[in-house]
Amino acid sequence: IRISAPPERKYSTWIGGSILASLATFKKMWVSKQVRKASRLSFAD
């Protein structure tokens, strides 16, 4: 079996995330640091 993959593949997650973050529909779901601190939300749980 021979697998051929471009070297950029290690950045594909970051590229996809940056594209997603730049979408207007996704920006509506952003939570600012101030709002997160005020409501004591934790995204690490």
PDB file of N, CA and C in Angstrom:
ATOM      1  N   ILE A   1       0.857  -1.181   0.000  1.00  0.00           N
ATOM      2  CA  ILE A   1       0.000   0.000   0.000  1.00  0.00           C
ATOM      3  C   ILE A   1       0.893   1.230   0.000  1.00  0.00           C
ATOM      4  N   ARG A   2       0.553   2.154  -0.862  1.00  0.00           N
ATOM      5  CA  ARG A   2       1.301   3.404  -0.936  1.00  0.00           C
ATOM      6  C   ARG A   2       0.349   4.555  -0.626  1.00  0.00           C
ATOM      7  N   ILE A   3       0.693   5.344   0.360  1.00  0.00           N
ATOM      8  CA  ILE A   3      -0.135   6.481   0.756  1.00  0.00           C
ATOM      9  C   ILE A   3       0.600   7.757   0.387  1.00  0.00           C
ATOM     10  N   SER A   4      -0.100   8.600  -0.326  1.00  0.00           N
ATOM     11  CA  SER A   4       0.461   9.885  -0.720  1.00  0.00           C
ATOM     12  C   SER A   4      -0.369  10.985  -0.071  1.00  0.00           C
ATOM     13  N   ALA A   5       0.275  11.812   0.740  1.00  0.00           N
ATOM     14  CA  ALA A   5      -0.433  12.895   1.417  1.00  0.00           C
ATOM     15  C   ALA A   5       0.425  14.154   1.359  1.00  0.00           C
ATOM     16  N   PRO A   6      -0.188  15.289   1.067  1.00  0.00           N
ATOM     17  CA  PRO A   6       0.577  16.530   0.993  1.00  0.00           C
ATOM     18  C   PRO A   6       1.057  16.956   2.388  1.00  0.00           C
ATOM     19  N   PRO A   7       2.191  17.624   2.470  1.00  0.00           N
ATOM     20  CA  PRO A   7       2.715  18.042   3.776  1.00  0.00           C
ATOM     21  C   PRO A   7       1.819  19.057   4.492  1.00  0.00           C
ATOM     22  N   GLU A   8       0.956  19.755   3.748  1.00  0.00           N
ATOM     23  CA  GLU A   8       0.065  20.749   4.365  1.00  0.00           C
ATOM     24  C   GLU A   8      -1.004  20.109   5.236  1.00  0.00           C
ATOM     25  N   ARG A   9      -1.152  18.807   5.173  1.00  0.00           N
ATOM     26  CA  ARG A   9      -2.225  18.136   5.908  1.00  0.00           C
ATOM     27  C   ARG A   9      -2.127  18.378   7.405  1.00  0.00           C
ATOM     28  N   LYS A  10      -0.924  18.628   7.912  1.00  0.00           N
ATOM     29  CA  LYS A  10      -0.805  18.861   9.351  1.00  0.00           C
ATOM     30  C   LYS A  10      -1.406  20.207   9.761  1.00  0.00           C
ATOM     31  N   TYR A  11      -1.687  21.068   8.802  1.00  0.00           N
ATOM     32  CA  TYR A  11      -2.299  22.365   9.094  1.00  0.00           C
ATOM     33  C   TYR A  11      -3.782  22.398   8.752  1.00  0.00           C
ATOM     34  N   SER A  12      -4.326  21.313   8.244  1.00  0.00           N
ATOM     35  CA  SER A  12      -5.713  21.321   7.773  1.00  0.00           C
ATOM     36  C   SER A  12      -6.710  21.635   8.884  1.00  0.00           C
ATOM     37  N   THR A  13      -6.432  21.203  10.110  1.00  0.00           N
ATOM     38  CA  THR A  13      -7.328  21.504  11.224  1.00  0.00           C
ATOM     39  C   THR A  13      -7.361  22.999  11.492  1.00  0.00           C
ATOM     40  N   TRP A  14      -6.197  23.635  11.486  1.00  0.00           N
ATOM     41  CA  TRP A  14      -6.124  25.075  11.724  1.00  0.00           C
ATOM     42  C   TRP A  14      -6.778  25.853  10.587  1.00  0.00           C
ATOM     43  N   ILE A  15      -6.576  25.400   9.365  1.00  0.00           N
ATOM     44  CA  ILE A  15      -7.185  26.070   8.211  1.00  0.00           C
ATOM     45  C   ILE A  15      -8.704  25.955   8.290  1.00  0.00           C
ATOM     46  N   GLY A  16      -9.200  24.759   8.582  1.00  0.00           N
ATOM     47  CA  GLY A  16     -10.641  24.557   8.711  1.00  0.00           C
ATOM     48  C   GLY A  16     -11.229  25.385   9.837  1.00  0.00           C
ATOM     49  N   GLY A  17     -10.530  25.450  10.960  1.00  0.00           N
ATOM     50  CA  GLY A  17     -11.001  26.253  12.088  1.00  0.00           C
ATOM     51  C   GLY A  17     -11.044  27.733  11.770  1.00  0.00           C
ATOM     52  N   SER A  18     -10.056  28.214  11.042  1.00  0.00           N
ATOM     53  CA  SER A  18     -10.045  29.634  10.688  1.00  0.00           C
ATOM     54  C   SER A  18     -11.157  29.973   9.705  1.00  0.00           C
ATOM     55  N   ILE A  19     -11.451  29.049   8.801  1.00  0.00           N
ATOM     56  CA  ILE A  19     -12.561  29.260   7.866  1.00  0.00           C
ATOM     57  C   ILE A  19     -13.878  29.274   8.629  1.00  0.00           C
ATOM     58  N   LEU A  20     -14.061  28.319   9.523  1.00  0.00           N
ATOM     59  CA  LEU A  20     -15.286  28.249  10.328  1.00  0.00           C
ATOM     60  C   LEU A  20     -15.456  29.513  11.168  1.00  0.00           C
ATOM     61  N   ALA A  21     -14.390  29.960  11.809  1.00  0.00           N
ATOM     62  CA  ALA A  21     -14.458  31.145  12.661  1.00  0.00           C
ATOM     63  C   ALA A  21     -14.762  32.414  11.878  1.00  0.00           C
ATOM     64  N   SER A  22     -14.448  32.435  10.596  1.00  0.00           N
ATOM     65  CA  SER A  22     -14.687  33.633   9.797  1.00  0.00           C
ATOM     66  C   SER A  22     -16.105  33.708   9.232  1.00  0.00           C
ATOM     67  N   LEU A  23     -16.879  32.642   9.367  1.00  0.00           N
ATOM     68  CA  LEU A  23     -18.249  32.643   8.851  1.00  0.00           C
ATOM     69  C   LEU A  23     -19.155  33.510   9.718  1.00  0.00           C
ATOM     70  N   ALA A  24     -19.990  34.314   9.094  1.00  0.00           N
ATOM     71  CA  ALA A  24     -20.885  35.214   9.824  1.00  0.00           C
ATOM     72  C   ALA A  24     -21.834  34.446  10.739  1.00  0.00           C
ATOM     73  N   THR A  25     -22.319  33.305  10.304  1.00  0.00           N
ATOM     74  CA  THR A  25     -23.240  32.528  11.142  1.00  0.00           C
ATOM     75  C   THR A  25     -22.545  31.985  12.381  1.00  0.00           C
ATOM     76  N   PHE A  26     -21.272  31.693  12.285  1.00  0.00           N
ATOM     77  CA  PHE A  26     -20.528  31.196  13.437  1.00  0.00           C
ATOM     78  C   PHE A  26     -20.202  32.329  14.400  1.00  0.00           C
ATOM     79  N   LYS A  27     -19.954  33.523  13.883  1.00  0.00           N
ATOM     80  CA  LYS A  27     -19.623  34.670  14.739  1.00  0.00           C
ATOM     81  C   LYS A  27     -20.761  35.008  15.692  1.00  0.00           C
ATOM     82  N   LYS A  28     -21.993  34.707  15.295  1.00  0.00           N
ATOM     83  CA  LYS A  28     -23.142  34.965  16.167  1.00  0.00           C
ATOM     84  C   LYS A  28     -23.098  34.102  17.424  1.00  0.00           C
ATOM     85  N   MET A  29     -22.367  33.003  17.382  1.00  0.00           N
ATOM     86  CA  MET A  29     -22.293  32.081  18.514  1.00  0.00           C
ATOM     87  C   MET A  29     -21.092  32.337  19.422  1.00  0.00           C
ATOM     88  N   TRP A  30     -20.268  33.314  19.093  1.00  0.00           N
ATOM     89  CA  TRP A  30     -19.092  33.601  19.902  1.00  0.00           C
ATOM     90  C   TRP A  30     -19.501  34.070  21.289  1.00  0.00           C
ATOM     91  N   VAL A  31     -18.715  33.747  22.278  1.00  0.00           N
ATOM     92  CA  VAL A  31     -18.916  34.218  23.647  1.00  0.00           C
ATOM     93  C   VAL A  31     -17.657  34.993  24.018  1.00  0.00           C
ATOM     94  N   SER A  32     -17.840  36.249  24.415  1.00  0.00           N
ATOM     95  CA  SER A  32     -16.676  37.061  24.759  1.00  0.00           C
ATOM     96  C   SER A  32     -16.098  36.622  26.104  1.00  0.00           C
ATOM     97  N   LYS A  33     -14.871  37.010  26.337  1.00  0.00           N
ATOM     98  CA  LYS A  33     -14.201  36.659  27.591  1.00  0.00           C
ATOM     99  C   LYS A  33     -14.932  37.286  28.778  1.00  0.00           C
ATOM    100  N   GLN A  34     -15.414  38.517  28.610  1.00  0.00           N
ATOM    101  CA  GLN A  34     -16.120  39.201  29.685  1.00  0.00           C
ATOM    102  C   GLN A  34     -17.429  38.487  30.026  1.00  0.00           C
ATOM    103  N   VAL A  35     -18.174  38.076  29.010  1.00  0.00           N
ATOM    104  CA  VAL A  35     -19.442  37.372  29.236  1.00  0.00           C
ATOM    105  C   VAL A  35     -19.176  36.026  29.895  1.00  0.00           C
ATOM    106  N   ARG A  36     -18.153  35.345  29.439  1.00  0.00           N
ATOM    107  CA  ARG A  36     -17.821  34.040  30.010  1.00  0.00           C
ATOM    108  C   ARG A  36     -17.442  34.169  31.481  1.00  0.00           C
ATOM    109  N   LYS A  37     -16.639  35.183  31.804  1.00  0.00           N
ATOM    110  CA  LYS A  37     -16.250  35.390  33.200  1.00  0.00           C
ATOM    111  C   LYS A  37     -17.454  35.779  34.054  1.00  0.00           C
ATOM    112  N   ALA A  38     -18.319  36.633  33.515  1.00  0.00           N
ATOM    113  CA  ALA A  38     -19.486  37.093  34.268  1.00  0.00           C
ATOM    114  C   ALA A  38     -20.458  35.955  34.551  1.00  0.00           C
ATOM    115  N   SER A  39     -20.593  35.041  33.629  1.00  0.00           N
ATOM    116  CA  SER A  39     -21.541  33.942  33.815  1.00  0.00           C
ATOM    117  C   SER A  39     -20.875  32.688  34.371  1.00  0.00           C
ATOM    118  N   ARG A  40     -19.562  32.752  34.551  1.00  0.00           N
ATOM    119  CA  ARG A  40     -18.780  31.628  35.092  1.00  0.00           C
ATOM    120  C   ARG A  40     -18.927  30.354  34.270  1.00  0.00           C
ATOM    121  N   LEU A  41     -19.047  30.526  32.955  1.00  0.00           N
ATOM    122  CA  LEU A  41     -19.122  29.366  32.072  1.00  0.00           C
ATOM    123  C   LEU A  41     -17.752  28.716  31.962  1.00  0.00           C
ATOM    124  N   SER A  42     -17.739  27.427  31.862  1.00  0.00           N
ATOM    125  CA  SER A  42     -16.490  26.700  31.674  1.00  0.00           C
ATOM    126  C   SER A  42     -16.638  25.783  30.476  1.00  0.00           C
ATOM    127  N   PHE A  43     -15.741  25.903  29.529  1.00  0.00           N
ATOM    128  CA  PHE A  43     -15.791  25.066  28.336  1.00  0.00           C
ATOM    129  C   PHE A  43     -14.835  23.886  28.454  1.00  0.00           C
ATOM    130  N   ALA A  44     -14.134  23.789  29.561  1.00  0.00           N
ATOM    131  CA  ALA A  44     -13.178  22.704  29.740  1.00  0.00           C
ATOM    132  C   ALA A  44     -13.809  21.473  30.386  1.00  0.00           C
ATOM    133  N   ASP A  45     -15.011  21.605  30.889  1.00  0.00           N
ATOM    134  CA  ASP A  45     -15.674  20.473  31.569  1.00  0.00           C
ATOM    135  C   ASP A  45     -16.192  19.462  30.595  1.00  0.00           C
TER     136      ASP A  45
END
